[in-house]
């Protein structure tokens, strides 16, 4: 199988150390052809494709616009890996597997307990919309790991969910295109403490847990050397 492009939406902000170390982890462990940054490109970043986008909406609207721009770009592989700048691949992979969190209804209580507001409402509205399409027990693909995405299938998902303010794009795509996959627990580490799963090949962080937590120390120590995507000295 040919390597896929790696597409990363990036918010505005000059530093973004999580992106720096995510790129180091992808270069070391995640086979890919070319990296595409959609949105803001930090000054230290080089050797990537760049698709500028306006970031004038909510973070959810901005990432939806970034996804559409990537799907419509003629130079990006028809199937690509969709990742965020806080996703780290800690062990070498032959290729990125398709992973999910299990049925949406089993994931919703986690966010309901956290009073997640718009995000939880978007999850429920996405689930209801999928039910209207005949998917009565859809899987949740809202994991903090890269996801293989076909551009035609994702555009279909974005069009179907265009009236949902906080569309869960990964889930909409996964269900409508029946991509299946393997179930795992989410790998996001929200806290600074030392207790997190170190056996998984994937990790994800919050800005605080990356900068000040044990998980960030582990990631930085694993990838101390600059990647080919970093201009030296920046």
Protein backbone atom coordinates (compact mmCIF):
# COMPACT_ATOMS: atom_id res chain seq x y z
CA UNK A 1 0.00 0.00 0.00
CA UNK A 2 1.33 3.43 -0.89
CA UNK A 3 1.93 5.87 1.96
CA UNK A 4 -0.87 8.34 2.60
CA UNK A 5 -0.62 12.08 3.09
CA UNK A 6 -1.00 13.34 6.64
CA UNK A 7 -3.45 16.23 7.10
CA UNK A 8 -3.32 18.38 10.24
CA UNK A 9 -5.60 21.35 11.02
CA UNK A 10 -3.64 23.94 13.02
CA UNK A 11 -5.08 26.84 14.99
CA UNK A 12 -3.42 30.23 15.08
CA UNK A 13 -0.53 30.53 17.54
CA UNK A 14 3.21 30.97 17.12
CA UNK A 15 4.73 28.29 19.35
CA UNK A 16 2.71 25.04 19.36
CA UNK A 17 5.23 22.71 20.95
CA UNK A 18 2.71 19.88 20.80
CA UNK A 19 2.77 20.07 17.00
CA UNK A 20 6.58 20.08 17.02
CA UNK A 21 6.74 16.83 18.97
CA UNK A 22 3.78 15.27 17.17
CA UNK A 23 5.69 15.74 13.91
CA UNK A 24 8.76 14.14 15.45
CA UNK A 25 6.67 11.15 16.49
CA UNK A 26 5.02 10.84 13.07
CA UNK A 27 8.32 11.07 11.23
CA UNK A 28 9.74 8.30 13.44
CA UNK A 29 6.74 5.99 13.68
CA UNK A 30 3.87 6.73 11.28
CA UNK A 31 4.45 5.99 7.57
CA UNK A 32 3.23 8.87 5.42
CA UNK A 33 3.97 10.56 2.11
CA UNK A 34 3.66 14.27 2.81
CA UNK A 35 2.41 16.43 5.68
CA UNK A 36 -0.23 19.07 4.94
CA UNK A 37 -0.91 21.85 7.42
CA UNK A 38 -4.40 23.34 7.05
CA UNK A 39 -4.87 26.71 8.69
CA UNK A 40 -1.96 28.38 10.46
CA UNK A 41 1.65 27.46 9.63
CA UNK A 42 4.16 28.29 12.41
CA UNK A 43 7.37 30.02 11.33
CA UNK A 44 9.56 27.13 12.52
CA UNK A 45 7.76 24.61 10.32
CA UNK A 46 9.11 23.63 6.89
CA UNK A 47 8.95 20.89 4.30
CA UNK A 48 5.16 20.63 4.41
CA UNK A 49 2.24 21.49 2.18
CA UNK A 50 0.15 24.40 3.44
CA UNK A 51 -3.50 25.24 2.84
CA UNK A 52 -4.35 28.59 4.48
CA UNK A 53 -7.91 28.84 5.79
CA UNK A 54 -9.86 31.60 7.52
CA UNK A 55 -10.35 30.85 11.20
CA UNK A 56 -13.20 33.16 12.05
CA UNK A 57 -15.71 30.67 13.47
CA UNK A 58 -15.81 28.34 16.44
CA UNK A 59 -13.06 25.74 16.71
CA UNK A 60 -15.54 23.18 15.43
CA UNK A 61 -16.48 25.27 12.40
CA UNK A 62 -12.81 25.98 11.73
CA UNK A 63 -11.86 22.29 11.71
CA UNK A 64 -14.83 21.48 9.48
CA UNK A 65 -13.65 24.12 7.01
CA UNK A 66 -10.14 22.68 7.22
CA UNK A 67 -11.43 19.18 6.52
CA UNK A 68 -13.40 20.31 3.49
CA UNK A 69 -10.38 22.21 2.15
CA UNK A 70 -8.22 19.11 2.49
CA UNK A 71 -10.77 16.85 0.82
CA UNK A 72 -11.07 19.23 -2.13
CA UNK A 73 -7.35 19.83 -2.60
CA UNK A 74 -6.11 18.15 -5.81
CA UNK A 75 -2.61 17.35 -4.54
CA UNK A 76 -3.60 15.44 -1.40
CA UNK A 77 -3.91 11.66 -1.68
CA UNK A 78 -7.50 10.45 -2.18
CA UNK A 79 -7.23 8.68 1.16
CA UNK A 80 -5.25 10.50 3.82
CA UNK A 81 -4.50 10.34 7.54
CA UNK A 82 -6.40 12.95 9.53
CA UNK A 83 -4.60 13.96 12.71
CA UNK A 84 -4.56 16.79 15.21
CA UNK A 85 -1.51 18.53 16.57
CA UNK A 86 -1.83 16.85 19.98
CA UNK A 87 -1.67 13.24 18.77
CA UNK A 88 1.57 11.31 19.27
CA UNK A 89 2.54 7.92 17.83
CA UNK A 90 4.91 6.31 20.32
CA UNK A 91 5.82 3.05 18.54
CA UNK A 92 6.60 2.20 14.90
CA UNK A 93 3.55 1.22 12.82
CA UNK A 94 3.44 -0.49 9.44
CA UNK A 95 0.28 1.49 8.71
CA UNK A 96 -2.36 3.34 10.68
CA UNK A 97 -5.23 1.07 11.79
CA UNK A 98 -8.87 2.17 11.93
CA UNK A 99 -9.83 2.62 15.58
CA UNK A 100 -13.08 3.55 17.37
CA UNK A 101 -14.46 4.02 20.91
CA UNK A 102 -17.44 1.71 20.69
CA UNK A 103 -21.12 2.73 20.32
CA UNK A 104 -21.87 6.44 20.74
CA UNK A 105 -24.45 5.73 23.45
CA UNK A 106 -21.72 4.13 25.58
CA UNK A 107 -19.46 7.16 25.16
CA UNK A 108 -22.06 9.84 25.91
CA UNK A 109 -22.15 9.28 29.72
CA UNK A 110 -18.45 10.17 29.97
CA UNK A 111 -19.08 13.59 28.48
CA UNK A 112 -22.38 14.05 30.32
CA UNK A 113 -20.47 13.62 33.61
CA UNK A 114 -18.03 16.33 32.53
CA UNK A 115 -20.78 18.83 31.59
CA UNK A 116 -19.27 19.10 28.12
CA UNK A 117 -22.01 21.35 26.76
CA UNK A 118 -21.75 21.98 23.03
CA UNK A 119 -19.52 18.97 22.43
CA UNK A 120 -21.99 16.56 24.04
CA UNK A 121 -24.89 18.18 22.21
CA UNK A 122 -23.00 17.76 18.94
CA UNK A 123 -22.39 14.09 19.74
CA UNK A 124 -26.09 13.54 20.40
CA UNK A 125 -27.15 15.46 17.28
CA UNK A 126 -24.69 13.46 15.18
CA UNK A 127 -26.07 10.23 16.65
CA UNK A 128 -29.65 11.31 15.92
CA UNK A 129 -28.74 12.29 12.37
CA UNK A 130 -27.12 8.90 11.81
CA UNK A 131 -30.28 7.24 13.12
CA UNK A 132 -32.21 9.14 10.46
CA UNK A 133 -29.84 7.57 7.92
CA UNK A 134 -30.60 4.11 9.28
CA UNK A 135 -27.64 3.68 11.65
CA UNK A 136 -29.34 2.86 14.94
CA UNK A 137 -26.19 1.89 16.89
CA UNK A 138 -23.37 3.87 15.30
CA UNK A 139 -19.81 3.69 16.53
CA UNK A 140 -17.95 6.70 17.91
CA UNK A 141 -14.70 7.58 16.14
CA UNK A 142 -13.89 10.61 18.30
CA UNK A 143 -10.54 9.26 19.45
CA UNK A 144 -7.34 11.25 19.82
CA UNK A 145 -5.50 9.15 17.25
CA UNK A 146 -5.01 9.60 13.49
CA UNK A 147 -7.84 8.32 11.27
CA UNK A 148 -7.58 7.13 7.65
CA UNK A 149 -10.08 9.20 5.66
CA UNK A 150 -11.29 8.93 2.06
CA UNK A 151 -11.96 12.38 0.64
CA UNK A 152 -15.18 11.49 -1.22
CA UNK A 153 -16.62 9.73 1.81
CA UNK A 154 -15.75 12.60 4.11
CA UNK A 155 -17.32 15.17 1.79
CA UNK A 156 -20.47 13.05 1.84
CA UNK A 157 -20.38 13.09 5.64
CA UNK A 158 -19.83 16.87 5.80
CA UNK A 159 -22.71 17.48 3.41
CA UNK A 160 -25.02 15.20 5.39
CA UNK A 161 -24.16 17.00 8.63
CA UNK A 162 -23.96 20.54 7.33
CA UNK A 163 -26.78 21.74 9.62
CA UNK A 164 -25.17 20.36 12.80
CA UNK A 165 -23.19 23.13 14.53
CA UNK A 166 -20.79 20.76 16.31
CA UNK A 167 -20.71 17.91 13.84
CA UNK A 168 -18.67 14.93 14.97
CA UNK A 169 -16.94 14.57 11.63
CA UNK A 170 -14.97 11.43 12.36
CA UNK A 171 -18.05 9.62 13.63
CA UNK A 172 -20.25 10.80 10.76
CA UNK A 173 -17.61 9.66 8.29
CA UNK A 174 -17.00 6.32 9.97
CA UNK A 175 -20.66 5.39 10.21
CA UNK A 176 -21.78 6.50 6.75
CA UNK A 177 -18.84 4.74 5.13
CA UNK A 178 -19.06 1.68 7.41
CA UNK A 179 -15.32 1.64 8.05
CA UNK A 180 -15.49 -0.68 11.07
CA UNK A 181 -12.23 -0.93 12.96
CA UNK A 182 -10.92 -2.00 16.35
CA UNK A 183 -12.20 -0.68 19.68
CA UNK A 184 -9.82 1.05 22.09
CA UNK A 185 -10.09 3.42 25.02
CA UNK A 186 -9.29 7.05 24.31
CA UNK A 187 -5.65 7.96 24.91
CA UNK A 188 -6.09 11.62 25.92
CA UNK A 189 -4.21 12.45 29.14
CA UNK A 190 -5.90 15.40 30.86
CA UNK A 191 -3.81 15.58 34.05
CA UNK A 192 -0.22 16.22 35.12
CA UNK A 193 0.19 13.04 37.16
CA UNK A 194 2.15 9.86 36.36
CA UNK A 195 -0.84 7.53 36.03
CA UNK A 196 -1.63 6.88 32.37
CA UNK A 197 -1.38 3.92 30.02
CA UNK A 198 2.21 3.69 28.80
CA UNK A 199 1.65 0.46 26.87
CA UNK A 200 -0.41 2.06 24.11
CA UNK A 201 1.29 3.08 20.85
CA UNK A 202 -0.71 6.32 20.97
CA UNK A 203 -0.82 9.26 23.38
CA UNK A 204 -2.55 12.62 23.33
CA UNK A 205 -2.25 15.62 25.64
CA UNK A 206 -3.80 18.86 26.73
CA UNK A 207 -1.57 21.97 26.54
CA UNK A 208 -1.10 21.84 30.33
CA UNK A 209 -0.45 18.10 30.58
CA UNK A 210 2.07 18.39 27.75
CA UNK A 211 3.89 21.40 29.19
CA UNK A 212 3.75 20.54 32.89
CA UNK A 213 2.79 16.88 33.23
CA UNK A 214 4.55 13.55 33.31
CA UNK A 215 3.03 12.58 29.96
CA UNK A 216 4.69 15.58 28.33
CA UNK A 217 8.03 14.68 29.88
CA UNK A 218 7.71 11.15 28.51
CA UNK A 219 6.92 12.40 25.00
CA UNK A 220 9.71 14.98 24.96
CA UNK A 221 12.26 12.47 26.22
CA UNK A 222 11.22 9.93 23.57
CA UNK A 223 11.72 12.41 20.69
CA UNK A 224 14.59 14.74 21.64
CA UNK A 225 15.90 15.35 18.11
CA UNK A 226 14.38 17.81 15.62
CA UNK A 227 12.47 16.33 12.71
CA UNK A 228 13.03 17.21 9.10
CA UNK A 229 9.96 19.45 9.42
CA UNK A 230 11.73 21.91 11.72
CA UNK A 231 13.90 24.75 10.54
CA UNK A 232 17.10 24.44 12.55
CA UNK A 233 17.51 27.02 15.25
CA UNK A 234 13.80 27.83 15.57
